[in-house]
Protein backbone atom coordinates (compact mmCIF):
# COMPACT_ATOMS: atom_id res chain seq x y z
CA MET A 1 -9.64 61.12 111.31
CA ALA A 2 -9.09 57.36 112.00
CA LYS A 3 -12.53 56.56 111.18
CA THR A 4 -12.33 58.17 107.44
CA GLU A 5 -8.53 56.10 107.15
CA LYS A 6 -10.59 52.83 108.04
CA LYS A 7 -13.67 53.47 105.74
CA SER A 8 -10.82 54.43 103.09
CA ALA A 9 -9.29 51.15 103.49
CA PHE A 10 -12.38 48.79 102.81
CA HIS A 11 -13.45 50.74 99.87
CA LEU A 12 -9.92 50.05 98.53
CA ASN A 13 -10.67 46.18 99.23
CA VAL A 14 -14.04 46.09 97.66
CA GLY A 15 -12.22 47.79 94.36
CA ILE A 16 -9.59 45.04 94.14
CA ILE A 17 -12.04 41.55 95.04
CA SER A 18 -14.60 43.13 92.35
CA PHE A 19 -11.60 43.55 89.57
CA LEU A 20 -10.31 40.09 91.14
CA LEU A 21 -13.76 38.60 90.33
CA ILE A 22 -14.02 40.56 87.22
CA PHE A 23 -10.22 39.34 85.84
CA VAL A 24 -11.40 35.24 86.99
CA TYR A 25 -15.04 35.85 84.86
CA ILE A 26 -13.30 36.90 82.31
CA LEU A 27 -10.51 34.12 82.56
CA GLY A 28 -12.39 31.51 82.52
CA HIS A 29 -14.66 32.52 79.76
CA LEU A 30 -11.37 32.96 77.38
CA ILE A 31 -9.81 29.30 78.66
CA LEU A 32 -13.78 27.90 78.02
CA LEU A 33 -13.31 29.68 74.71
CA LEU A 34 -9.40 28.38 73.95
CA ASN A 35 -10.85 24.77 74.53
CA ARG A 36 -14.16 24.68 72.94
CA GLU A 37 -14.15 23.04 69.41
CA GLU A 38 -14.08 25.36 66.43
CA MET A 39 -18.08 26.02 65.13
CA THR A 40 -18.27 25.90 61.19
CA ILE A 41 -21.11 26.23 59.54
CA TYR A 42 -22.51 24.17 56.52
CA GLU A 43 -24.92 25.07 53.67
CA VAL A 44 -27.33 22.64 52.64
CA ILE A 45 -27.92 21.37 49.33
CA GLN A 46 -29.81 19.05 47.10
CA SER A 47 -27.82 16.17 45.64
CA ARG A 48 -27.96 12.22 45.22
CA ILE A 49 -25.73 9.85 47.16
CA HIS A 50 -25.83 6.41 46.33
CA GLU A 51 -24.03 2.56 47.68
CA SER A 52 -22.63 0.39 45.07
CA ILE A 53 -20.81 -2.62 44.32
CA GLN A 54 -17.44 -1.89 42.58
CA VAL A 55 -15.97 -5.05 40.46
CA THR A 56 -14.43 -6.48 37.78
CA GLY A 57 -16.06 -8.97 35.39
CA ILE A 58 -15.39 -11.37 32.95
CA ILE A 59 -17.16 -11.02 29.97
CA LEU A 60 -18.71 -14.13 28.13
CA ARG A 61 -20.50 -13.89 24.24
CA ASP A 62 -20.66 -16.85 21.26
CA GLU A 63 -17.29 -16.70 20.03
CA THR A 64 -15.31 -19.24 18.00
CA ILE A 65 -11.85 -19.04 16.54
CA VAL A 66 -11.32 -19.38 12.64
CA LYS A 67 -8.15 -21.24 11.40
CA ALA A 68 -6.02 -20.94 8.68
CA GLU A 69 -6.45 -23.84 6.40
CA LYS A 70 -3.51 -22.95 4.37
CA GLY A 71 -0.41 -21.15 5.14
CA GLY A 72 0.90 -17.95 3.99
CA TYR A 73 0.76 -13.87 3.71
CA LEU A 74 -2.96 -12.74 4.92
CA ASN A 75 -4.59 -9.60 3.58
CA TYR A 76 -8.06 -8.95 5.54
CA TYR A 77 -10.91 -7.88 3.83
CA ILE A 78 -13.18 -7.07 6.95
CA ASN A 79 -11.89 -4.29 9.47
CA GLU A 80 -11.46 -4.37 13.28
CA ASN A 81 -15.27 -4.41 15.14
CA GLU A 82 -17.00 -4.73 11.84
CA GLU A 83 -19.86 -7.31 10.63
CA VAL A 84 -19.12 -9.76 8.20
CA ALA A 85 -22.23 -11.46 6.60
CA LYS A 86 -22.82 -15.73 5.79
CA ASN A 87 -20.43 -16.21 3.08
CA GLY A 88 -18.93 -12.94 3.49
CA LEU A 89 -14.82 -13.02 1.99
CA VAL A 90 -12.92 -11.82 4.91
CA TYR A 91 -9.08 -12.85 3.73
CA THR A 92 -7.19 -13.93 1.42
CA CYS A 93 -3.69 -16.23 1.89
CA ASP A 94 -1.01 -15.80 -0.96
CA GLU A 95 1.05 -19.32 -0.40
CA THR A 96 3.83 -18.38 -2.12
CA GLY A 97 4.19 -14.67 -1.46
CA GLN A 98 4.71 -12.97 -4.94
CA VAL A 99 1.32 -11.02 -4.28
CA HIS A 100 2.50 -9.99 -1.08
CA ASP A 101 5.74 -8.60 -2.41
CA TYR A 102 3.64 -7.30 -5.50
CA ILE A 103 1.82 -5.08 -2.89
CA SER A 104 4.59 -4.35 -0.69
CA ASN A 105 5.64 -2.20 -4.06
CA LEU A 106 2.78 -0.38 -4.92
CA LEU A 107 2.52 0.66 -0.88
CA ASN A 108 6.05 1.86 -1.99
CA GLN A 109 4.24 4.37 -4.60
CA GLU A 110 3.37 7.38 -3.01
CA GLU A 111 -0.14 7.70 -4.67
CA SER A 112 -0.98 4.54 -3.18
CA VAL A 113 -0.85 5.31 0.33
CA SER A 114 -4.31 8.09 1.12
CA THR A 115 -4.17 11.21 2.73
CA LYS A 116 -6.70 9.46 5.09
CA ASP A 117 -3.97 6.64 5.76
CA TYR A 118 -1.79 9.81 6.85
CA SER A 119 -3.95 10.90 8.87
CA SER A 120 -5.12 8.03 10.68
CA THR A 121 -1.85 7.04 12.07
CA GLN A 122 -1.13 10.93 12.91
CA GLU A 123 -4.27 10.82 15.12
CA ALA A 124 -3.69 7.48 16.94
CA ILE A 125 0.28 8.76 17.35
CA SER A 126 -1.53 12.05 18.84
CA ARG A 127 -3.73 10.14 20.94
CA PHE A 128 -0.79 7.97 22.58
CA GLU A 129 0.76 11.26 23.23
CA ASP A 130 -1.68 12.75 25.09
CA THR A 131 -2.44 10.06 27.21
CA TYR A 132 0.86 8.63 27.97
CA THR A 133 1.73 8.17 31.52
CA ASP A 134 4.94 6.13 32.85
CA SER A 135 2.22 4.08 35.23
CA GLN A 136 0.01 2.93 31.86
CA PHE A 137 3.61 2.61 30.01
CA GLN A 138 1.54 -0.64 28.39
CA ASN A 139 -0.25 1.74 25.96
CA VAL A 140 3.18 1.51 23.91
CA TYR A 141 2.45 -1.87 23.37
CA SER A 142 -1.35 -0.92 22.21
CA LEU A 143 0.16 1.99 20.09
CA LYS A 144 2.06 -0.24 18.55
CA TYR A 145 -0.62 -3.15 17.75
CA GLU A 146 -2.57 0.02 16.12
CA LEU A 147 -0.05 1.17 13.74
CA GLU A 148 0.99 -2.27 12.80
CA GLY A 149 -2.92 -2.94 12.12
CA LEU A 150 -2.93 0.56 9.92
CA ALA A 151 0.14 -0.46 8.23
CA MET A 152 -1.34 -3.76 7.47
CA GLN A 153 -5.22 -1.96 6.67
CA MET A 154 -3.33 0.12 3.85
CA GLY A 155 -1.92 -3.37 2.19
CA ASP A 156 -5.63 -4.79 2.12
CA THR A 157 -6.51 -1.78 1.00
CA VAL A 158 -4.06 -2.14 -2.21
CA MET A 159 -5.01 -5.79 -2.34
CA ALA A 160 -8.32 -4.85 -3.06
CA ASN A 161 -7.91 -2.04 -5.13
CA HIS A 162 -6.30 -4.30 -7.67
CA MET A 163 -7.30 -7.67 -7.06
CA ASP A 164 -8.82 -8.18 -10.57
CA GLU A 165 -5.33 -6.78 -11.80
CA ILE A 166 -3.43 -9.42 -9.42
CA GLU A 167 -5.26 -11.91 -10.85
CA ALA A 168 -4.87 -11.32 -14.35
CA LYS A 169 -1.28 -10.67 -14.07
CA MET A 170 -0.47 -14.17 -11.84
CA GLY A 171 -3.41 -15.87 -12.24
CA SER A 172 -6.35 -17.10 -10.38
CA ASP A 173 -4.63 -19.48 -8.35
CA SER A 174 -2.28 -16.95 -7.15
CA PHE A 175 -3.47 -16.29 -3.66
CA ILE A 176 -6.92 -18.10 -1.68
CA LYS A 177 -9.84 -16.35 -0.94
CA ASN A 178 -11.51 -17.39 2.42
CA TYR A 179 -15.19 -16.49 3.49
CA SER A 180 -16.61 -16.83 6.80
CA SER A 181 -19.42 -19.69 7.23
CA GLN A 182 -21.20 -17.94 9.09
CA SER A 183 -22.51 -14.06 9.93
CA GLY A 184 -21.26 -11.78 12.75
CA LEU A 185 -18.81 -9.32 14.36
CA ILE A 186 -14.97 -9.71 13.60
CA THR A 187 -12.31 -9.50 16.24
CA TYR A 188 -8.51 -10.33 15.34
CA VAL A 189 -7.53 -11.16 19.03
CA GLU A 190 -7.46 -14.86 20.79
CA ASP A 191 -7.41 -14.66 25.10
CA GLY A 192 -8.13 -18.67 25.28
CA TYR A 193 -11.79 -18.16 26.56
CA GLU A 194 -13.63 -18.26 23.27
CA GLY A 195 -16.89 -20.56 23.48
CA LYS A 196 -15.71 -20.56 27.32
CA ASN A 197 -19.72 -20.52 29.40
CA PHE A 198 -20.21 -19.79 33.56
CA ALA A 199 -19.95 -23.62 34.60
CA GLU A 200 -16.35 -23.89 32.98
CA LEU A 201 -14.92 -20.84 35.02
CA THR A 202 -13.68 -21.00 37.96
CA GLU A 203 -12.07 -18.49 40.81
CA LYS A 204 -8.51 -18.13 38.94
CA ASP A 205 -10.21 -16.87 35.73
CA PHE A 206 -10.93 -13.42 37.77
CA ASP A 207 -7.78 -12.56 38.27
CA VAL A 208 -6.56 -10.01 35.93
CA SER A 209 -2.45 -10.28 36.67
CA ASN A 210 -3.04 -13.23 35.13
CA TYR A 211 -4.95 -12.18 31.30
CA LYS A 212 -3.11 -12.83 27.95
CA LYS A 213 -3.98 -11.71 24.87
CA LYS A 214 -2.45 -12.93 21.32
CA GLU A 215 -3.23 -10.54 18.92
CA LEU A 216 -3.71 -12.39 15.38
CA LYS A 217 -3.61 -9.71 12.61
CA THR A 218 -0.40 -10.05 11.08
CA SER A 219 2.26 -8.95 8.36
CA GLU A 220 4.57 -12.26 8.95
CA LYS A 221 3.95 -15.71 7.20
CA ILE A 222 1.29 -17.66 8.93
CA GLN A 223 1.55 -21.66 9.01
CA SER A 224 -1.53 -24.09 8.29
CA GLY A 225 -4.36 -24.40 11.29
CA ASN A 226 -2.99 -20.89 13.25
CA SER A 227 -5.25 -18.57 14.33
CA VAL A 228 -6.47 -16.03 12.21
CA TYR A 229 -9.67 -14.24 13.75
CA ARG A 230 -12.02 -14.33 16.01
CA LEU A 231 -15.98 -14.50 15.25
CA THR A 232 -18.85 -13.56 17.33
CA LYS A 233 -22.35 -14.18 16.43
CA GLY A 234 -25.24 -12.10 17.57
CA THR A 235 -25.49 -9.83 19.82
CA ASP A 236 -26.57 -10.66 23.36
CA TRP A 237 -23.16 -10.91 25.99
CA GLN A 238 -22.58 -11.30 29.45
CA ILE A 239 -20.41 -9.62 32.10
CA VAL A 240 -20.27 -12.25 34.87
CA VAL A 241 -19.02 -10.74 38.73
CA PRO A 242 -17.70 -12.39 41.42
CA LEU A 243 -19.93 -11.08 44.82
CA SER A 244 -19.07 -11.63 48.74
CA LYS A 245 -21.96 -13.14 50.63
CA GLU A 246 -23.16 -9.08 51.95
CA GLU A 247 -23.01 -7.83 48.64
CA TYR A 248 -25.23 -11.24 47.06
CA HIS A 249 -27.73 -10.40 50.02
CA SER A 250 -28.01 -6.71 49.40
CA ILE A 251 -29.44 -7.16 45.50
CA LYS A 252 -29.91 -10.92 45.28
CA ALA A 253 -33.48 -9.94 44.81
CA ARG A 254 -33.26 -7.72 42.01
CA GLU A 255 -34.33 -8.77 38.79
CA LYS A 256 -32.74 -6.07 36.98
CA VAL A 257 -29.70 -3.64 37.87
CA THR A 258 -28.36 0.20 37.18
CA VAL A 259 -24.82 -0.86 36.20
CA THR A 260 -22.09 1.93 35.10
CA ILE A 261 -19.52 0.51 33.24
CA SER A 262 -16.49 2.71 34.57
CA LYS A 263 -13.97 2.61 30.66
CA ASP A 264 -16.48 4.72 29.29
CA ASP A 265 -18.60 5.94 32.30
CA LEU A 266 -21.47 4.30 30.52
CA GLU A 267 -24.46 3.27 32.64
CA VAL A 268 -27.02 0.53 31.54
CA ARG A 269 -30.40 -0.83 32.77
CA CYS A 270 -29.78 -5.00 32.44
CA PRO A 271 -31.00 -8.30 34.03
CA ILE A 272 -29.39 -9.90 36.43
CA SER A 273 -29.01 -13.83 37.63
CA PHE A 274 -27.37 -15.27 40.51
CA GLU A 275 -25.04 -18.53 40.80
CA LYS A 276 -22.92 -19.67 43.71
CA LYS A 277 -20.29 -22.56 43.42
CA LYS A 278 -18.77 -23.56 46.70
CA ASN A 279 -18.61 -20.59 48.79
CA GLN A 280 -18.45 -18.02 45.99
CA TYR A 281 -21.72 -15.61 45.07
CA TYR A 282 -21.76 -14.58 41.19
CA GLY A 283 -23.78 -12.04 39.43
CA ILE A 284 -24.46 -12.82 35.80
CA LEU A 285 -25.26 -9.18 34.09
CA SER A 286 -27.19 -10.30 30.81
CA LEU A 287 -26.54 -7.71 27.89
CA SER A 288 -27.73 -7.28 24.43
CA ASP A 289 -26.45 -3.82 23.64
CA TYR A 290 -22.82 -2.32 23.36
CA MET A 291 -21.34 -5.85 21.98
CA VAL A 292 -19.69 -4.01 19.65
CA GLN A 293 -18.05 -0.94 22.04
CA TYR A 294 -16.30 -3.69 24.05
CA ALA A 295 -15.62 -6.78 21.52
CA LYS A 296 -11.76 -6.99 22.56
CA GLU A 297 -12.03 -6.37 26.16
CA ARG A 298 -13.05 -9.57 28.31
CA TYR A 299 -12.31 -7.93 31.88
CA LEU A 300 -14.62 -4.55 32.50
CA LYS A 301 -14.74 -2.95 35.99
CA VAL A 302 -18.33 -2.34 36.45
CA GLU A 303 -20.27 -0.37 39.05
CA ILE A 304 -24.08 -1.82 40.04
CA GLU A 305 -26.06 0.10 42.11
CA VAL A 306 -26.92 -0.83 45.38
CA GLU A 307 -29.74 2.30 46.18
CA SER A 308 -29.78 5.66 45.12
CA GLU A 309 -31.42 8.62 46.85
CA ASP A 310 -31.84 12.25 45.64
CA GLY A 311 -32.74 14.93 47.97
CA LEU A 312 -31.05 17.64 50.74
CA LYS A 313 -27.37 16.53 51.65
CA ILE A 314 -26.03 17.33 55.22
CA PRO A 315 -22.75 15.90 56.76
CA ASN A 316 -23.11 13.08 59.32
CA SER A 317 -20.93 14.95 62.13
CA ALA A 318 -24.59 17.34 61.84
CA ILE A 319 -26.70 14.72 63.15
CA VAL A 320 -27.38 14.46 66.74
CA GLU A 321 -30.25 12.93 68.56
CA LYS A 322 -32.93 14.51 71.13
CA ASP A 323 -35.26 12.92 73.04
CA PHE A 324 -39.08 13.65 72.30
CA TYR A 325 -42.33 13.28 73.72
CA LYS A 326 -44.94 11.59 71.16
CA ILE A 327 -48.21 13.04 72.20
CA PRO A 328 -51.64 12.70 70.34
CA LYS A 329 -52.64 15.99 67.92
CA ALA A 330 -55.68 16.13 70.28
CA TYR A 331 -53.60 17.01 73.55
CA PHE A 332 -52.62 20.83 71.18
CA HIS A 333 -54.77 23.85 70.50
CA GLY A 334 -53.40 26.75 68.77
CA ASN A 335 -52.96 27.67 65.20
CA SER A 336 -49.43 27.93 64.53
CA ILE A 337 -48.07 25.09 62.52
CA ALA A 338 -44.54 25.63 64.28
CA GLN A 339 -45.42 25.96 67.64
CA LYS A 340 -48.54 24.62 69.76
CA ASN A 341 -50.50 25.03 72.88
CA LEU A 342 -50.69 21.98 75.53
CA ILE A 343 -53.00 22.55 79.07
CA VAL A 344 -50.33 20.88 81.89
CA LYS A 345 -52.52 19.92 85.16
CA LYS A 346 -50.87 20.69 88.58
CA GLU A 347 -51.50 19.97 91.93
CA ASP A 348 -49.47 21.49 95.29
CA SER A 349 -49.08 19.28 98.29
CA LYS A 350 -52.57 20.41 100.00
CA GLY A 351 -53.95 18.56 97.05
CA LYS A 352 -55.15 21.83 95.11
CA VAL A 353 -55.68 21.74 91.24
CA THR A 354 -54.38 24.36 89.08
CA PHE A 355 -54.43 23.98 85.32
CA GLU A 356 -52.03 26.13 82.77
CA THR A 357 -51.12 26.77 79.36
CA LYS A 358 -47.93 25.93 78.37
CA THR A 359 -46.75 26.72 74.53
CA VAL A 360 -44.00 24.38 72.95
CA ASP A 361 -42.46 23.99 70.03
CA ILE A 362 -43.29 20.94 67.21
CA GLY A 363 -40.48 18.86 65.95
CA LEU A 364 -42.02 16.72 64.04
CA ILE A 365 -45.73 15.30 62.50
CA GLN A 366 -46.01 12.11 61.73
CA THR A 367 -49.42 10.16 60.80
CA GLU A 368 -49.92 6.34 61.72
CA GLU A 369 -52.75 3.89 60.61
CA GLU A 370 -53.85 2.38 63.91
CA GLY A 371 -56.13 -0.08 62.80
CA GLU A 372 -58.88 1.01 60.29
CA ASP A 373 -58.36 4.62 62.00
CA GLU A 374 -55.56 7.11 61.45
CA GLN A 375 -53.60 9.42 64.59
CA THR A 376 -51.19 11.77 64.25
CA TYR A 377 -48.79 12.60 66.53
CA TYR A 378 -46.60 15.83 67.35
CA TYR A 379 -43.17 15.38 68.58
CA VAL A 380 -42.28 17.97 71.38
CA LEU A 381 -38.31 18.30 72.82
CA ALA A 382 -38.31 16.67 76.16
CA GLU A 383 -36.14 19.81 77.17
CA GLU A 384 -39.43 22.01 76.71
CA ILE A 385 -41.26 20.26 79.37
CA SER A 386 -40.36 18.34 82.52
CA ALA A 387 -40.37 14.61 82.97
CA ASN A 388 -43.79 13.26 84.90
CA THR A 389 -45.80 16.14 83.82
CA LEU A 390 -49.63 15.35 83.73
CA ILE A 391 -51.15 17.43 80.31
CA CYS A 392 -55.38 17.57 79.77
CA LEU A 393 -57.33 17.44 76.56
CA GLU A 394 -59.21 20.35 76.23
CA ASN A 395 -63.08 20.48 77.73
CA SER A 396 -62.17 17.06 79.18
CA GLN A 397 -61.48 15.02 81.86
CA GLU A 398 -58.46 12.62 79.78
CA THR A 399 -55.07 13.07 80.79
CA MET A 400 -51.37 11.63 80.00
CA LEU A 401 -48.48 11.56 82.05
CA LEU A 402 -45.29 12.37 79.73
CA LYS A 403 -42.53 10.02 81.08
CA GLU A 404 -41.71 7.89 77.97
CA THR A 405 -39.88 9.68 75.14
CA GLU A 406 -38.32 8.74 71.63
CA LYS A 407 -34.95 9.13 70.20
CA LEU A 408 -35.27 11.85 67.07
CA PRO A 409 -32.63 12.79 64.83
CA GLY A 410 -31.83 16.42 63.48
CA VAL A 411 -29.60 19.21 62.81
CA TYR A 412 -28.94 22.61 64.48
CA THR A 413 -29.79 25.21 62.23
CA VAL A 414 -28.25 29.05 62.86
CA ASN A 415 -30.64 30.86 60.69
CA GLN A 416 -31.49 33.86 62.55
CA GLY A 417 -27.97 33.56 64.62
CA TYR A 418 -28.65 31.24 67.41
CA ALA A 419 -28.70 27.20 67.38
CA ASP A 420 -32.51 25.85 66.72
CA PHE A 421 -33.10 22.01 66.70
CA ARG A 422 -34.94 20.75 63.83
CA CYS A 423 -36.43 16.94 63.25
CA VAL A 424 -35.06 15.82 59.95
CA ILE A 425 -36.36 12.27 58.26
CA ILE A 426 -33.60 10.56 57.42
CA SER A 427 -33.85 8.74 53.62
CA MET A 428 -30.69 6.71 52.99
CA GLN A 429 -27.39 7.06 54.85
CA ASN A 430 -23.28 6.38 53.84
CA ASP A 431 -20.23 6.91 56.14
CA ASP A 432 -19.64 10.39 55.14
CA TYR A 433 -23.16 12.57 54.32
CA THR A 434 -26.74 11.90 54.69
CA ILE A 435 -29.70 12.22 52.34
CA ILE A 436 -33.48 13.62 54.20
CA GLU A 437 -36.48 14.35 53.04
CA ASP A 438 -37.40 17.58 51.48
CA GLU A 439 -40.55 19.85 52.31
CA VAL A 440 -41.33 17.96 56.23
CA THR A 441 -42.72 20.40 57.93
CA ASN A 442 -40.46 22.26 60.63
CA SER A 443 -37.75 20.42 59.30
CA ILE A 444 -34.70 22.15 57.31
CA SER A 445 -34.98 23.48 53.72
CA LEU A 446 -32.72 24.16 50.63
CA PHE A 447 -29.67 26.58 51.92
CA ASP A 448 -30.85 26.93 56.00
CA ARG A 449 -27.88 27.07 57.52
CA ILE A 450 -26.64 24.26 60.03
CA ILE A 451 -23.93 23.73 62.62
CA LEU A 452 -21.72 20.85 61.10
CA ASN A 453 -20.56 19.64 64.54
CA GLY A 454 -23.71 19.41 65.93
CA ASN A 455 -22.65 17.84 69.12
CA THR A 456 -20.64 20.76 70.15
CA VAL A 457 -23.72 23.30 71.08
CA GLU A 458 -26.71 23.21 72.75
CA ASN A 459 -30.56 24.20 72.03
CA ASN A 460 -31.15 27.95 71.68
CA GLU A 461 -27.58 28.85 72.54
CA ILE A 462 -26.38 31.95 70.44
CA ILE A 463 -23.75 31.39 67.52
CA TYR A 464 -23.63 35.16 66.89
C-alpha cells in the first residue's frame, strides 16, 4: 500500500510540472504579443510623387506709367486688363468739373444705370461674402477698389454714350481727349517696379511684406503730372525667383522647367535661365502666355518641378534591405521564373565529394553589359543558402563560392497569409513615400498587400 501512495504522488508532481510549463509557455507568448509592434497592412496603389521648389517670385514686364498732362476729373474708356491700340482713346479730362457734374446728374436717373451694372455689383459682393475670412481681411480693400471701379465704369459708360451731346451742349473744349502713343495692355495700378530689369533688383525686393501698390483709377480730381495708368507693351514677361544653392544645383542643367502658378493651379512649361548676385542664385522664368491674367500682380508663388515619377506607390516604412547573392544565370536550371535549382558541391571530412540539388527563390533578375556582351544575374536571398557554399555549373567543373553579398531593398507581401519578401526597384523617393518600377519579375504588383512596418517581421513568418 505504501508503494501505491508513492506512485500516486509521482503522477501528481508530473501533472503540476506539465501545467506550469504550459502556463509559462502561454505567458511568454502573451508577453511577446503585448510587446510586439502593431502590424498594419497596406495595399499597393498606382500614384505619383514629385520633388519641387516652392518660391515666391517677382514679375518683370515692359511697362510704362503714363502721367496726366492736365489736371481735372477723368473718365476712362479702356477697362482694366484691356488692350488699347496706338492712338486709341484712353481717357478724357474735365478741367472745370462741369462735365463731371453733368454725368453725375445723368447717373442719378434710374434709367441711366443698366441691369448689367447692378448685376456686376451684386456679383462682386457675393464673391466677397463667399470667400471672406478674418485671416484675409485685406480682401475688404480689394472689394472697396472693385466697387469704386464699377461705379466709375458706370460714369465712363454714360460719358461715352453722351459724348456728342456733351460736346454740343458745353463745347468741344469742355474736356480733353487723351490718346495712347503706343499699343499695349492697360492697368490702373502703380507700384514702382515699372521699367525695372533684373540688374536693378535687390534682395529686399523679394520681401513681400514691404510691397505697396497704388490704385490709380479715381473719381477725385487729379493734378497735372499725376500717374493715370500703366501701359504694358508686348506679351512677354518674366518671373524672377530666388534659389538656394541646393535648389540651383538641382535644376541648373535644365533649359526648360514645368512650373505651377499656385494662385490658379496653372501648370506651364517655360524656359529658365540663371543668374548670381553675390552669394544669391536666381532663376528667370520666361513666359509669353497668360500675361493678361496676372497683369495686376507683382508677386506670384510658384512651384518648380525638380523631379516627378509615376508608378507603384508604397510607404518608406515598408521597405527593408536584405543580403543577396549575385549569381550568373548559367548556374541555374529549371523552368519556373520564381524558383530555380542550383547544384551544390559538398565535401566531407574524409574528402568524399557529393552533389545535391537545392531549390531557391529568385529575388531579382538583372541584365548587365560586360564589354560587348550581356550577362544576366539572378539574386538569391542569403538566408536561403549558407555562407561559403560551393555551387557548380551544370555539366562542368566550374564552381562559384557564395561569399560576398549585396543589399537589395524590398517589402514583405502577405497575399498568402505569410510574410514573403519581394525585391523592389526604386524609381524615386521622398520623405514619406517611394515610387517603384511596375511589372518587375518576381516583384510586387498593383493591389498587393504588404506589411507597412517591414522591420517588424521575418521572411516566411505566418501573419494570419
